[in-house]
């Protein structure tokens, strides 16, 4: 069913924006995001192998959905540390809109998985943990939540985190796509897109959450944690989100407003002001210089080549040169 948001006085969020929404008929709140130029700039800058690029893009989508929910000036950081070929992912969101990302990986191991046709996100991550850190500033306490990574996807990470740490039923879909276009008389062009949707069941009556009162601790995830009949509204909302196809999240011609209308028009979906996402790095010459000042003379000497120290930002690939004498 087609939906023109402008007919209803709604300005489309467009690319690189998160659209918060609620479905009161299902006691659901959520966020949907479409990333275009931002994700293309991040991925193209790093030029990682294709599976690593896709994995990092998924992490950027998830961070966009979670980071824009901050109600204060601060930072949200998603970081993995694992024994897999992609040993680390870092995505850093600074409110209100700045995001940056990078990955560390063993190229030989990644290429081996690619040759074997086994370079899935789960195989790339391996086993370890994912940490989500909220930093409200130097005078406020930091909060960090962790989820074990044991061969699961980033979608499943989000579900586990909210179910076990926050006891909030959560469903999430993440997708990454590649666009190939060709204008007459020009060479084919390639670009990246990505998108995602996250919903949470937040009824006014706490007893409708139907969650266990206590976290099961170290019990295996497949262990029966009790017979808690799920609320019909949540079952319906989750089933609707599970129908979302990757192309609906990555096709620039399908707006988030159209997607949300398709999913929830029978229940009534309320849209809130979109929040833009921008490709911005927090690095600067001054920041790096202050870090270098904390190094010992021996460490500075080890970093010096032909009388200069060159530091490259892993997030934005900007290189900063310093004379040894000035450090």
Protein backbone atom coordinates (compact mmCIF):
# COMPACT_ATOMS: atom_id res chain seq x y z
CA UNK A 1 0.00 0.00 0.00
CA UNK A 2 1.52 3.30 -1.11
CA UNK A 3 1.81 6.20 1.29
CA UNK A 4 2.77 9.79 0.51
CA UNK A 5 3.85 11.38 3.81
CA UNK A 6 3.60 14.90 2.40
CA UNK A 7 -0.13 14.42 1.84
CA UNK A 8 -0.43 14.14 5.61
CA UNK A 9 1.83 17.09 6.33
CA UNK A 10 4.80 14.88 7.18
CA UNK A 11 8.19 15.88 5.82
CA UNK A 12 10.11 12.73 4.82
CA UNK A 13 13.15 12.11 6.99
CA UNK A 14 15.24 11.30 3.91
CA UNK A 15 18.60 9.54 3.99
CA UNK A 16 20.93 9.67 6.97
CA UNK A 17 18.19 10.18 9.53
CA UNK A 18 16.55 8.24 12.34
CA UNK A 19 12.75 8.45 12.60
CA UNK A 20 11.34 7.74 16.10
CA UNK A 21 7.79 6.38 16.15
CA UNK A 22 5.18 4.75 18.33
CA UNK A 23 2.30 2.37 17.74
CA UNK A 24 -0.06 3.01 20.61
CA UNK A 25 -2.39 0.20 19.57
CA UNK A 26 0.43 -2.27 20.22
CA UNK A 27 2.16 -0.48 23.13
CA UNK A 28 5.28 -0.26 20.97
CA UNK A 29 7.89 2.44 20.56
CA UNK A 30 10.69 2.28 18.05
CA UNK A 31 13.14 3.89 15.68
CA UNK A 32 13.82 3.39 11.99
CA UNK A 33 16.88 4.60 10.08
CA UNK A 34 18.01 4.91 6.48
CA UNK A 35 21.69 5.57 5.78
CA UNK A 36 23.02 6.67 2.40
CA UNK A 37 25.90 9.13 1.94
CA UNK A 38 27.03 8.70 5.55
CA UNK A 39 27.50 4.94 5.37
CA UNK A 40 28.98 5.20 1.87
CA UNK A 41 31.58 7.72 3.10
CA UNK A 42 32.55 5.57 6.09
CA UNK A 43 32.87 2.36 4.08
CA UNK A 44 34.63 3.90 1.08
CA UNK A 45 37.14 5.67 3.33
CA UNK A 46 38.32 2.43 4.90
CA UNK A 47 38.15 0.18 1.82
CA UNK A 48 37.87 -2.95 3.97
CA UNK A 49 37.11 -6.35 2.41
CA UNK A 50 33.42 -6.59 1.48
CA UNK A 51 32.30 -8.81 4.40
CA UNK A 52 34.09 -6.57 6.92
CA UNK A 53 32.47 -3.50 5.36
CA UNK A 54 29.04 -5.09 5.70
CA UNK A 55 29.65 -6.04 9.31
CA UNK A 56 30.85 -2.55 10.20
CA UNK A 57 27.85 -1.03 8.39
CA UNK A 58 25.50 -3.19 10.49
CA UNK A 59 27.23 -1.92 13.63
CA UNK A 60 26.80 1.67 12.42
CA UNK A 61 23.08 1.09 11.85
CA UNK A 62 22.62 -0.40 15.32
CA UNK A 63 24.59 2.42 16.94
CA UNK A 64 22.52 5.00 15.06
CA UNK A 65 19.31 3.46 16.37
CA UNK A 66 20.59 3.35 19.96
CA UNK A 67 22.75 6.47 20.11
CA UNK A 68 20.05 8.85 18.91
CA UNK A 69 17.88 7.79 21.85
CA UNK A 70 20.16 9.72 24.23
CA UNK A 71 18.25 12.52 25.93
CA UNK A 72 21.38 14.46 26.90
CA UNK A 73 24.66 15.68 25.46
CA UNK A 74 26.94 12.67 25.57
CA UNK A 75 28.45 9.72 23.76
CA UNK A 76 27.31 6.21 22.97
CA UNK A 77 29.99 3.71 21.99
CA UNK A 78 29.51 0.19 20.65
CA UNK A 79 32.65 -1.95 20.73
CA UNK A 80 33.37 -5.62 20.16
CA UNK A 81 36.43 -7.55 21.28
CA UNK A 82 36.59 -11.13 20.03
CA UNK A 83 38.84 -13.98 18.91
CA UNK A 84 37.39 -13.92 15.39
CA UNK A 85 38.98 -12.61 12.17
CA UNK A 86 37.38 -9.23 12.94
CA UNK A 87 38.86 -8.77 16.38
CA UNK A 88 37.35 -5.36 17.04
CA UNK A 89 34.57 -3.07 15.84
CA UNK A 90 34.23 0.43 17.24
CA UNK A 91 31.34 2.76 16.46
CA UNK A 92 31.22 6.04 18.32
CA UNK A 93 28.15 8.33 18.37
CA UNK A 94 28.34 11.83 19.87
CA UNK A 95 25.04 13.62 20.34
CA UNK A 96 23.31 15.16 18.63
CA UNK A 97 24.38 13.67 15.28
CA UNK A 98 28.08 12.72 14.86
CA UNK A 99 29.05 9.14 14.08
CA UNK A 100 32.37 7.48 13.22
CA UNK A 101 33.47 3.85 12.92
CA UNK A 102 36.42 1.55 12.27
CA UNK A 103 37.40 -2.12 12.45
CA UNK A 104 40.48 -4.21 13.22
CA UNK A 105 40.83 -7.54 11.41
CA UNK A 106 43.20 -10.23 10.22
CA UNK A 107 43.12 -9.87 6.45
CA UNK A 108 44.46 -13.37 5.75
CA UNK A 109 41.77 -14.98 7.91
CA UNK A 110 39.05 -12.87 6.32
CA UNK A 111 40.19 -13.80 2.82
CA UNK A 112 40.29 -17.49 3.77
CA UNK A 113 36.67 -17.30 4.93
CA UNK A 114 35.71 -15.45 1.76
CA UNK A 115 37.36 -18.11 -0.42
CA UNK A 116 35.46 -20.80 1.49
CA UNK A 117 32.17 -18.91 1.19
CA UNK A 118 31.87 -18.76 4.98
CA UNK A 119 32.43 -15.07 5.72
CA UNK A 120 29.17 -14.61 7.65
CA UNK A 121 28.96 -11.90 10.33
CA UNK A 122 28.86 -14.61 13.00
CA UNK A 123 32.02 -16.27 11.65
CA UNK A 124 33.82 -12.95 11.35
CA UNK A 125 33.06 -11.97 14.93
CA UNK A 126 33.81 -15.29 16.60
CA UNK A 127 33.60 -15.38 20.39
CA UNK A 128 34.13 -12.59 22.85
CA UNK A 129 31.95 -9.72 24.01
CA UNK A 130 30.20 -6.58 22.84
CA UNK A 131 30.15 -3.54 25.12
CA UNK A 132 27.74 -0.62 24.94
CA UNK A 133 28.99 2.43 26.82
CA UNK A 134 27.08 5.60 27.63
CA UNK A 135 29.23 8.57 28.65
CA UNK A 136 27.32 11.56 30.02
CA UNK A 137 30.39 13.73 30.50
CA UNK A 138 33.31 14.06 32.89
CA UNK A 139 31.14 14.91 35.91
CA UNK A 140 28.70 12.04 35.41
CA UNK A 141 29.07 8.32 35.94
CA UNK A 142 29.62 6.19 32.85
CA UNK A 143 27.34 3.25 32.21
CA UNK A 144 28.45 0.10 30.42
CA UNK A 145 26.50 -3.00 29.50
CA UNK A 146 28.06 -6.12 28.02
CA UNK A 147 26.76 -9.02 25.95
CA UNK A 148 28.58 -12.27 25.28
CA UNK A 149 29.32 -12.97 21.61
CA UNK A 150 29.19 -16.69 20.94
CA UNK A 151 28.50 -16.99 17.25
CA UNK A 152 25.46 -14.70 17.16
CA UNK A 153 24.49 -11.79 14.91
CA UNK A 154 24.37 -8.13 15.91
CA UNK A 155 20.58 -8.34 15.70
CA UNK A 156 20.59 -11.09 18.31
CA UNK A 157 23.04 -9.06 20.42
CA UNK A 158 20.50 -6.24 20.69
CA UNK A 159 17.68 -8.63 21.56
CA UNK A 160 19.73 -10.28 24.32
CA UNK A 161 20.99 -7.00 25.72
CA UNK A 162 17.56 -5.49 26.24
CA UNK A 163 15.89 -8.73 27.34
CA UNK A 164 18.53 -9.58 29.95
CA UNK A 165 19.93 -6.21 31.03
CA UNK A 166 16.88 -3.97 30.71
CA UNK A 167 14.13 -6.62 30.66
CA UNK A 168 12.52 -4.90 27.68
CA UNK A 169 11.24 -7.13 24.86
CA UNK A 170 13.04 -5.89 21.74
CA UNK A 171 13.03 -6.81 18.07
CA UNK A 172 15.55 -5.42 15.58
CA UNK A 173 16.32 -5.76 11.89
CA UNK A 174 19.55 -4.55 10.28
CA UNK A 175 20.42 -4.61 6.58
CA UNK A 176 23.23 -3.47 4.30
CA UNK A 177 22.98 -3.07 0.54
CA UNK A 178 25.03 -2.10 -2.49
CA UNK A 179 23.72 0.10 -5.28
CA UNK A 180 25.01 -0.18 -8.83
CA UNK A 181 23.97 2.58 -11.20
CA UNK A 182 25.01 3.59 -14.67
CA UNK A 183 24.26 6.82 -16.45
CA UNK A 184 24.36 6.92 -20.23
CA UNK A 185 27.91 7.36 -21.46
CA UNK A 186 29.42 6.87 -17.99
CA UNK A 187 31.08 3.98 -16.19
CA UNK A 188 29.02 2.00 -13.66
CA UNK A 189 28.90 3.60 -10.20
CA UNK A 190 28.77 1.77 -6.88
CA UNK A 191 27.62 2.98 -3.47
CA UNK A 192 26.59 1.56 -0.10
CA UNK A 193 23.27 1.89 1.70
CA UNK A 194 22.04 0.55 5.03
CA UNK A 195 18.99 0.67 7.22
CA UNK A 196 17.35 -0.75 10.28
CA UNK A 197 14.31 -0.80 12.51
CA UNK A 198 14.06 -1.41 16.24
CA UNK A 199 10.87 -1.81 18.28
CA UNK A 200 10.37 -2.26 22.02
CA UNK A 201 7.33 -3.38 23.98
CA UNK A 202 6.62 -0.72 26.61
CA UNK A 203 3.08 -1.12 27.98
CA UNK A 204 1.83 1.19 30.72
CA UNK A 205 0.88 -1.79 32.88
CA UNK A 206 4.16 -3.41 34.10
CA UNK A 207 2.57 -6.83 34.52
CA UNK A 208 1.97 -6.97 30.76
CA UNK A 209 5.72 -7.20 30.16
CA UNK A 210 5.55 -10.91 31.16
CA UNK A 211 9.28 -11.04 31.87
CA UNK A 212 11.21 -13.03 34.46
CA UNK A 213 11.80 -11.05 37.66
CA UNK A 214 15.44 -12.12 37.86
CA UNK A 215 18.13 -12.40 35.24
CA UNK A 216 18.98 -16.08 34.67
CA UNK A 217 22.64 -15.31 35.31
CA UNK A 218 25.04 -17.79 33.76
CA UNK A 219 22.31 -20.14 32.53
CA UNK A 220 22.62 -21.06 28.84
CA UNK A 221 20.53 -18.86 26.58
CA UNK A 222 18.52 -21.84 25.38
CA UNK A 223 17.56 -22.74 28.96
CA UNK A 224 13.87 -22.43 29.76
CA UNK A 225 13.63 -19.36 31.98
CA UNK A 226 10.02 -19.94 32.93
CA UNK A 227 6.61 -20.10 31.32
CA UNK A 228 5.85 -16.48 30.57
CA UNK A 229 3.06 -16.14 28.03
CA UNK A 230 3.89 -13.31 25.67
CA UNK A 231 1.44 -10.45 25.30
CA UNK A 232 -0.63 -10.69 22.13
CA UNK A 233 0.21 -7.10 21.18
CA UNK A 234 3.93 -7.83 21.34
CA UNK A 235 3.55 -11.06 19.39
CA UNK A 236 1.78 -9.11 16.63
CA UNK A 237 4.32 -6.25 16.58
CA UNK A 238 7.28 -8.60 16.46
CA UNK A 239 5.72 -10.69 13.71
CA UNK A 240 5.18 -7.58 11.60
CA UNK A 241 8.82 -6.49 11.95
CA UNK A 242 10.00 -9.99 11.11
CA UNK A 243 8.35 -9.58 7.68
CA UNK A 244 10.67 -6.68 6.77
CA UNK A 245 12.92 -7.58 3.84
CA UNK A 246 16.48 -6.32 3.47
CA UNK A 247 15.59 -4.42 0.31
CA UNK A 248 12.92 -2.46 2.20
CA UNK A 249 15.63 -1.20 4.56
CA UNK A 250 18.26 -0.44 1.93
CA UNK A 251 16.38 0.78 -1.16
CA UNK A 252 16.62 4.61 -1.30
CA UNK A 253 13.25 4.66 -3.08
CA UNK A 254 11.51 3.18 -0.03
CA UNK A 255 11.28 5.83 2.67
CA UNK A 256 11.15 4.92 6.34
CA UNK A 257 7.71 6.55 6.44
CA UNK A 258 6.45 4.20 3.73
CA UNK A 259 7.91 1.20 5.54
CA UNK A 260 6.34 2.16 8.86
CA UNK A 261 2.99 2.78 7.18
CA UNK A 262 3.09 -0.63 5.50
CA UNK A 263 3.84 -2.33 8.80
CA UNK A 264 1.54 -0.52 11.19
CA UNK A 265 -1.15 1.45 9.30
CA UNK A 266 -3.92 -0.81 10.62
CA UNK A 267 -2.87 -0.06 14.20
CA UNK A 268 -1.99 3.58 13.69
CA UNK A 269 1.62 4.72 13.74
CA UNK A 270 2.69 8.09 15.15
CA UNK A 271 5.85 9.68 13.73
CA UNK A 272 8.15 11.98 15.68
CA UNK A 273 10.74 14.47 14.49
CA UNK A 274 13.63 12.78 12.66
CA UNK A 275 17.18 13.03 13.97
CA UNK A 276 19.94 13.50 11.41
CA UNK A 277 23.15 11.45 11.35
CA UNK A 278 26.42 12.98 10.14
CA UNK A 279 29.83 11.53 9.25
CA UNK A 280 31.96 13.46 11.75
CA UNK A 281 35.17 12.64 13.59
CA UNK A 282 36.23 14.11 16.92
CA UNK A 283 39.95 13.97 16.19
CA UNK A 284 41.99 17.17 15.97
CA UNK A 285 45.63 18.24 16.01
CA UNK A 286 45.18 19.60 19.52
CA UNK A 287 43.69 16.36 20.87
CA UNK A 288 46.46 14.22 19.41
CA UNK A 289 49.17 16.61 20.55
CA UNK A 290 47.86 16.43 24.12
CA UNK A 291 48.01 12.62 23.95
CA UNK A 292 51.59 12.68 22.65
CA UNK A 293 52.58 14.85 25.60
CA UNK A 294 51.75 11.93 27.91
CA UNK A 295 54.27 9.61 26.21
CA UNK A 296 57.74 8.98 27.56
CA UNK A 297 60.84 10.18 25.70
CA UNK A 298 61.58 6.58 24.70
CA UNK A 299 58.08 6.11 23.28
CA UNK A 300 58.37 9.34 21.31
CA UNK A 301 61.72 8.23 19.93
CA UNK A 302 60.22 4.93 18.76
CA UNK A 303 57.51 6.82 16.90
CA UNK A 304 59.88 9.26 15.21
CA UNK A 305 60.83 8.81 11.56
CA UNK A 306 63.17 11.33 9.92
CA UNK A 307 62.62 13.78 12.75
CA UNK A 308 58.82 13.67 12.49
CA UNK A 309 55.95 11.85 14.14
CA UNK A 310 52.96 11.00 11.96
CA UNK A 311 49.71 9.91 13.61
CA UNK A 312 46.81 8.63 11.54
CA UNK A 313 43.28 8.64 12.91
CA UNK A 314 41.82 5.14 12.54
CA UNK A 315 38.31 6.55 12.25
CA UNK A 316 38.63 9.22 9.55
CA UNK A 317 42.09 8.33 8.09
CA UNK A 318 43.36 11.90 8.59
CA UNK A 319 47.14 12.04 9.13
CA UNK A 320 48.72 14.56 11.49
CA UNK A 321 52.43 15.35 11.35
CA UNK A 322 54.44 16.66 14.29
CA UNK A 323 58.05 17.80 14.63
CA UNK A 324 59.79 15.78 17.33
CA UNK A 325 61.10 18.94 18.93
CA UNK A 326 57.59 20.27 19.52
CA UNK A 327 56.44 17.15 21.36
